[in-house]
Amino acid sequence: MDFLLSGVAACGACLLTNPLEVVKTRMQLQGELKSRGTYQVYYRNVFHAFYTIGKVDGLTGLQKGLVPGLVYQFFMNGVRLGSYAIIESSGYIHTDGRVSAVKTTIAGAAAGVVGAVMGSPVYLVKTHLQSQSTIAVGHQYKHQGMTHALAVIYKKHGLMGLWRGASAAIPRVSVGSASQLSTFSSAKELVVDLQVFPKDSWLVALSAGMISSVAVVLAMTPFDVVSTRLYNQPVDHQGKGQLYKGFTDCFSKTLKKEGLMGLYKGLGASYFRIGPHTILSLFFWDELRKLYQQFR
């Protein structure tokens, strides 16, 4: 039930934030082909990107990759938050009745690794679909949908081709999960201790989620940029990337060519997407768990 409730909560958040994920993905890919002479600034900021995508690709363009996005959220966050819930209920993250920052960080990171491995193939497809546009930003795939994309990738590159980019996904999700769950648990305890809201109020989870969202975006964005670029890069007939050899290569090339801010490309879009998603998913997750406990 912990896994199911976690997956449903993440899907509810994804449904509302997927347009921002599309914007974030496009902005993160923008600029990686600068050295090839094909670079052009299409999106000046998150608001301009949102307007441009809606104008050129229509409202449906802002919901590209929604199906794989929902599948990814259900399995990745279902496993991640579900695993953390089990660890939490076993009492591991507490020391002398208080939340331990070190233990929550370790538990969050471990849960993130499991979730990243589970969700990597669908995240690969989601990135491909969200980058497809009339205005070409980054490499363009011609997938007709999630099932078609999975079949094409499997046919060309085999089973391991579906996990291409996992080397970036694992640290991305692990770092994001550790920062998200450790700050969420600590913030919840702090809000309760300060008696800002009643202990069982939904505002406790909401305010803790808001605090957690800032930490997640700052810690996760560089890994997210690298992950998006690795997933979306063109590959040869052997399935090897033509732009980057792996996580370290992509990280160093981005830093060298585009500077530190290149690793924080799309930061505004990242917060507008990851921030609300973090707040909503943790809020839904916490409230659903409370409802389940009351029902049971």
Protein backbone atom coordinates (compact mmCIF):
# COMPACT_ATOMS: atom_id res chain seq x y z
CA MET A 1 0.00 0.00 0.00
CA ASP A 2 2.93 2.37 0.69
CA PHE A 3 4.17 1.86 -2.88
CA LEU A 4 0.69 2.36 -4.36
CA LEU A 5 -0.06 5.53 -2.38
CA SER A 6 3.36 6.96 -3.26
CA GLY A 7 2.84 6.29 -6.98
CA VAL A 8 -0.65 7.84 -7.00
CA ALA A 9 0.61 10.94 -5.19
CA ALA A 10 3.44 11.42 -7.70
CA CYS A 11 1.08 10.98 -10.66
CA GLY A 12 -1.26 13.64 -9.26
CA ALA A 13 1.65 16.07 -9.08
CA CYS A 14 2.89 15.12 -12.58
CA LEU A 15 -0.49 15.81 -14.14
CA LEU A 16 -0.29 19.43 -12.99
CA THR A 17 3.42 20.07 -13.59
CA ASN A 18 4.17 18.27 -16.89
CA PRO A 19 3.99 21.49 -19.00
CA LEU A 20 6.76 22.91 -16.85
CA GLU A 21 8.77 19.73 -17.35
CA VAL A 22 8.50 20.24 -21.14
CA VAL A 23 9.74 23.84 -20.77
CA LYS A 24 12.59 22.73 -18.49
CA THR A 25 13.72 20.01 -20.88
CA ARG A 26 13.78 22.34 -23.91
CA MET A 27 15.72 25.03 -22.02
CA GLN A 28 18.29 22.52 -20.74
CA LEU A 29 18.98 21.24 -24.26
CA GLN A 30 19.32 24.74 -25.67
CA GLY A 31 22.97 25.61 -26.26
CA GLU A 32 24.59 22.16 -26.28
CA LEU A 33 25.19 22.33 -30.08
CA LYS A 34 26.83 25.76 -29.93
CA SER A 35 30.23 24.35 -30.95
CA ARG A 36 28.70 22.94 -34.14
CA GLY A 37 27.49 26.31 -35.34
CA THR A 38 23.80 25.44 -35.10
CA TYR A 39 23.09 27.19 -31.83
CA GLN A 40 20.29 29.71 -31.65
CA VAL A 41 18.48 31.19 -28.66
CA TYR A 42 14.84 30.23 -28.96
CA TYR A 43 13.83 30.60 -25.34
CA ARG A 44 14.98 33.71 -23.45
CA ASN A 45 13.43 32.69 -20.13
CA VAL A 46 10.83 30.34 -18.71
CA PHE A 47 7.90 32.61 -19.54
CA HIS A 48 9.07 33.18 -23.12
CA ALA A 49 9.62 29.42 -23.51
CA PHE A 50 6.14 28.66 -22.21
CA TYR A 51 4.59 31.20 -24.60
CA THR A 52 6.67 30.05 -27.60
CA ILE A 53 5.95 26.34 -27.15
CA GLY A 54 2.23 27.03 -26.74
CA LYS A 55 2.20 29.28 -29.81
CA VAL A 56 4.20 26.98 -32.11
CA ASP A 57 3.15 23.50 -30.93
CA GLY A 58 -0.23 24.33 -29.43
CA LEU A 59 -1.53 23.46 -25.98
CA THR A 60 -0.89 19.75 -26.63
CA GLY A 61 2.77 20.61 -27.12
CA LEU A 62 2.92 21.64 -23.48
CA GLN A 63 1.75 18.18 -22.43
CA LYS A 64 4.21 16.19 -24.55
CA GLY A 65 5.52 13.10 -22.83
CA LEU A 66 2.62 13.05 -20.36
CA VAL A 67 1.97 9.29 -20.64
CA PRO A 68 5.60 8.20 -20.04
CA GLY A 69 5.79 10.97 -17.43
CA LEU A 70 2.90 9.43 -15.48
CA VAL A 71 4.31 5.91 -15.85
CA TYR A 72 7.73 7.14 -14.73
CA GLN A 73 6.34 8.95 -11.70
CA PHE A 74 4.21 5.97 -10.66
CA PHE A 75 7.07 3.47 -10.76
CA MET A 76 10.04 5.68 -9.83
CA ASN A 77 8.38 7.62 -7.02
CA GLY A 78 6.21 4.67 -6.05
CA VAL A 79 9.36 2.66 -5.38
CA ARG A 80 11.33 5.61 -3.97
CA LEU A 81 8.74 7.04 -1.57
CA GLY A 82 7.35 3.59 -0.79
CA SER A 83 10.82 2.34 0.19
CA TYR A 84 11.41 5.43 2.31
CA ALA A 85 8.02 5.01 4.02
CA ILE A 86 8.94 1.46 5.02
CA ILE A 87 12.35 2.61 6.30
CA GLU A 88 10.66 5.44 8.22
CA SER A 89 7.99 3.21 9.78
CA SER A 90 10.70 0.78 10.94
CA GLY A 91 12.13 3.62 13.06
CA TYR A 92 15.50 3.71 11.28
CA ILE A 93 15.55 7.48 10.61
CA HIS A 94 15.02 8.40 14.27
CA THR A 95 17.59 8.72 17.05
CA ASP A 96 16.23 9.12 20.58
CA GLY A 97 12.80 9.96 19.16
CA ARG A 98 14.12 12.75 16.89
CA VAL A 99 14.64 12.75 13.12
CA SER A 100 18.30 12.16 12.29
CA ALA A 101 19.52 14.29 9.35
CA VAL A 102 22.28 11.81 8.50
CA LYS A 103 19.97 8.79 8.56
CA THR A 104 17.25 10.49 6.50
CA THR A 105 19.86 11.53 3.93
CA ILE A 106 21.19 7.97 3.65
CA ALA A 107 17.68 6.50 3.50
CA GLY A 108 16.57 9.05 0.90
CA ALA A 109 19.64 8.43 -1.27
CA ALA A 110 19.22 4.64 -1.10
CA ALA A 111 15.53 4.88 -2.01
CA GLY A 112 16.47 7.23 -4.86
CA VAL A 113 18.93 4.75 -6.38
CA VAL A 114 16.29 2.01 -6.47
CA GLY A 115 13.72 4.36 -8.00
CA ALA A 116 16.16 5.68 -10.63
CA VAL A 117 17.08 2.20 -11.87
CA MET A 118 13.41 1.21 -12.09
CA GLY A 119 12.30 4.33 -13.95
CA SER A 120 15.26 4.98 -16.27
CA PRO A 121 13.85 3.45 -19.50
CA VAL A 122 10.62 5.44 -19.31
CA TYR A 123 12.50 8.64 -18.41
CA LEU A 124 14.60 8.12 -21.54
CA VAL A 125 11.46 7.97 -23.69
CA LYS A 126 9.88 10.92 -21.86
CA THR A 127 12.92 13.09 -22.61
CA HIS A 128 12.89 12.11 -26.30
CA LEU A 129 9.19 12.95 -26.66
CA GLN A 130 9.40 16.24 -24.77
CA SER A 131 12.31 17.47 -26.90
CA GLN A 132 10.45 16.83 -30.17
CA SER A 133 9.32 20.16 -31.52
CA THR A 134 8.66 22.23 -34.61
CA ILE A 135 11.46 24.43 -33.27
CA ALA A 136 14.33 21.97 -33.02
CA VAL A 137 16.26 22.25 -29.76
CA GLY A 138 18.77 19.46 -29.23
CA HIS A 139 18.72 16.19 -31.17
CA GLN A 140 15.30 15.31 -32.61
CA TYR A 141 13.87 11.80 -32.44
CA LYS A 142 10.78 10.83 -34.44
CA HIS A 143 8.91 8.65 -31.98
CA GLN A 144 5.16 8.26 -32.41
CA GLY A 145 4.49 7.57 -28.75
CA MET A 146 5.79 5.75 -25.67
CA THR A 147 5.23 2.19 -26.90
CA HIS A 148 6.71 2.95 -30.33
CA ALA A 149 9.75 4.61 -28.73
CA LEU A 150 10.42 1.66 -26.40
CA ALA A 151 10.12 -0.79 -29.31
CA VAL A 152 12.44 1.24 -31.58
CA ILE A 153 15.12 1.67 -28.89
CA TYR A 154 14.96 -2.02 -27.95
CA LYS A 155 15.16 -3.11 -31.60
CA LYS A 156 18.16 -0.88 -32.37
CA HIS A 157 20.17 -1.12 -29.17
CA GLY A 158 18.86 -4.09 -27.20
CA LEU A 159 17.73 -4.28 -23.59
CA MET A 160 20.67 -2.26 -22.25
CA GLY A 161 19.85 0.53 -24.70
CA LEU A 162 16.78 1.24 -22.61
CA TRP A 163 19.03 2.08 -19.66
CA ARG A 164 21.22 4.51 -21.63
CA GLY A 165 21.70 7.59 -19.49
CA ALA A 166 21.18 5.68 -16.24
CA SER A 167 24.71 6.73 -15.19
CA ALA A 168 23.34 10.27 -14.89
CA ALA A 169 19.88 9.31 -13.64
CA ILE A 170 21.17 7.47 -10.59
CA PRO A 171 23.16 10.40 -9.09
CA ARG A 172 20.43 12.85 -10.17
CA VAL A 173 17.62 11.00 -8.42
CA SER A 174 19.81 9.93 -5.50
CA VAL A 175 20.93 13.52 -4.75
CA GLY A 176 17.42 14.86 -5.30
CA SER A 177 15.85 12.17 -3.14
CA ALA A 178 18.35 12.62 -0.31
CA SER A 179 17.91 16.40 -0.20
CA GLN A 180 14.13 16.19 -0.63
CA LEU A 181 13.30 13.58 2.00
CA SER A 182 15.85 14.71 4.59
CA THR A 183 14.70 18.35 4.46
CA PHE A 184 11.03 17.32 4.33
CA SER A 185 11.29 15.12 7.44
CA SER A 186 13.34 17.72 9.33
CA ALA A 187 11.09 20.60 8.25
CA LYS A 188 7.96 18.72 9.34
CA GLU A 189 9.44 18.13 12.77
CA LEU A 190 10.53 21.79 13.01
CA VAL A 191 7.08 23.11 12.04
CA VAL A 192 5.44 20.83 14.62
CA ASP A 193 7.94 21.89 17.30
CA LEU A 194 7.33 25.58 16.61
CA GLN A 195 3.57 24.92 16.84
CA VAL A 196 2.97 27.09 13.78
CA PHE A 197 0.08 24.81 12.82
CA PRO A 198 -1.77 22.01 14.65
CA LYS A 199 0.18 18.74 14.55
CA ASP A 200 -2.27 16.93 12.23
CA SER A 201 -2.95 19.93 9.97
CA TRP A 202 -2.41 19.54 6.21
CA LEU A 203 -0.49 22.83 6.39
CA VAL A 204 2.38 21.04 8.15
CA ALA A 205 3.11 18.85 5.13
CA LEU A 206 2.51 21.74 2.72
CA SER A 207 4.95 24.10 4.47
CA ALA A 208 7.56 21.34 4.86
CA GLY A 209 7.22 20.57 1.15
CA MET A 210 7.82 24.24 0.30
CA ILE A 211 11.05 24.26 2.33
CA SER A 212 12.14 20.98 0.78
CA SER A 213 11.49 22.21 -2.78
CA VAL A 214 14.18 24.92 -2.55
CA ALA A 215 16.82 22.45 -1.33
CA VAL A 216 15.91 19.93 -4.05
CA VAL A 217 16.21 22.40 -6.94
CA LEU A 218 19.57 23.79 -5.81
CA ALA A 219 21.05 20.32 -5.29
CA MET A 220 19.50 18.59 -8.29
CA THR A 221 19.62 21.05 -11.22
CA PRO A 222 23.25 20.40 -12.37
CA PHE A 223 22.58 16.65 -12.36
CA ASP A 224 19.27 17.23 -14.12
CA VAL A 225 20.90 19.22 -16.94
CA VAL A 226 23.52 16.50 -17.50
CA SER A 227 20.87 13.77 -17.32
CA THR A 228 18.63 15.48 -19.90
CA ARG A 229 21.52 15.92 -22.33
CA LEU A 230 22.76 12.34 -21.96
CA TYR A 231 19.29 10.90 -22.48
CA ASN A 232 18.59 13.03 -25.55
CA GLN A 233 21.94 12.91 -27.38
CA PRO A 234 22.17 11.10 -30.75
CA VAL A 235 23.77 7.64 -30.70
CA ASP A 236 25.64 5.52 -33.25
CA HIS A 237 24.66 2.04 -34.42
CA GLN A 238 26.25 0.55 -31.32
CA GLY A 239 24.21 2.76 -29.02
CA LYS A 240 27.17 4.94 -27.96
CA GLY A 241 26.59 8.66 -27.48
CA GLN A 242 27.92 10.93 -30.21
CA LEU A 243 28.18 14.06 -28.05
CA TYR A 244 29.14 12.72 -24.61
CA LYS A 245 30.86 9.56 -23.38
CA GLY A 246 29.12 9.57 -20.03
CA PHE A 247 28.19 11.57 -16.96
CA THR A 248 31.67 12.96 -16.21
CA ASP A 249 32.32 13.87 -19.85
CA CYS A 250 28.99 15.68 -20.21
CA PHE A 251 29.47 17.50 -16.90
CA SER A 252 32.98 18.70 -17.80
CA LYS A 253 32.09 19.71 -21.39
CA THR A 254 29.06 21.68 -20.25
CA LEU A 255 31.08 23.41 -17.54
CA LYS A 256 33.94 24.21 -19.96
CA LYS A 257 31.81 25.51 -22.85
CA GLU A 258 28.94 27.16 -21.00
CA GLY A 259 30.38 27.91 -17.57
CA LEU A 260 28.84 27.24 -14.17
CA MET A 261 25.53 28.73 -15.25
CA GLY A 262 25.41 26.15 -18.04
CA LEU A 263 24.91 23.54 -15.32
CA TYR A 264 22.10 25.66 -13.90
CA LYS A 265 20.50 26.24 -17.30
CA GLY A 266 16.75 26.38 -16.98
CA LEU A 267 16.98 26.99 -13.22
CA GLY A 268 13.81 29.09 -13.25
CA ALA A 269 12.00 26.41 -15.23
CA SER A 270 13.46 23.77 -12.93
CA TYR A 271 12.02 25.46 -9.85
CA PHE A 272 8.67 26.13 -11.52
CA ARG A 273 8.52 22.42 -12.31
CA ILE A 274 10.44 20.63 -9.53
CA GLY A 275 9.27 23.04 -6.83
CA PRO A 276 5.51 22.53 -7.31
CA HIS A 277 6.05 18.84 -8.06
CA THR A 278 7.98 18.40 -4.81
CA ILE A 279 5.39 20.33 -2.82
CA LEU A 280 2.40 18.55 -4.37
CA SER A 281 3.84 15.03 -4.40
CA LEU A 282 5.00 15.21 -0.77
CA PHE A 283 1.73 16.84 0.28
CA PHE A 284 -0.41 14.22 -1.53
CA TRP A 285 1.86 11.45 -0.21
CA ASP A 286 1.59 12.60 3.39
CA GLU A 287 -2.18 13.17 3.23
CA LEU A 288 -2.90 9.85 1.48
CA ARG A 289 -0.90 7.99 4.11
CA LYS A 290 -2.85 9.72 6.88
CA LEU A 291 -6.16 8.89 5.18
CA TYR A 292 -5.13 5.27 4.75
CA GLN A 293 -4.19 5.00 8.42
CA GLN A 294 -7.56 6.47 9.45
CA PHE A 295 -9.43 4.16 7.07
CA ARG A 296 -7.53 1.08 8.22
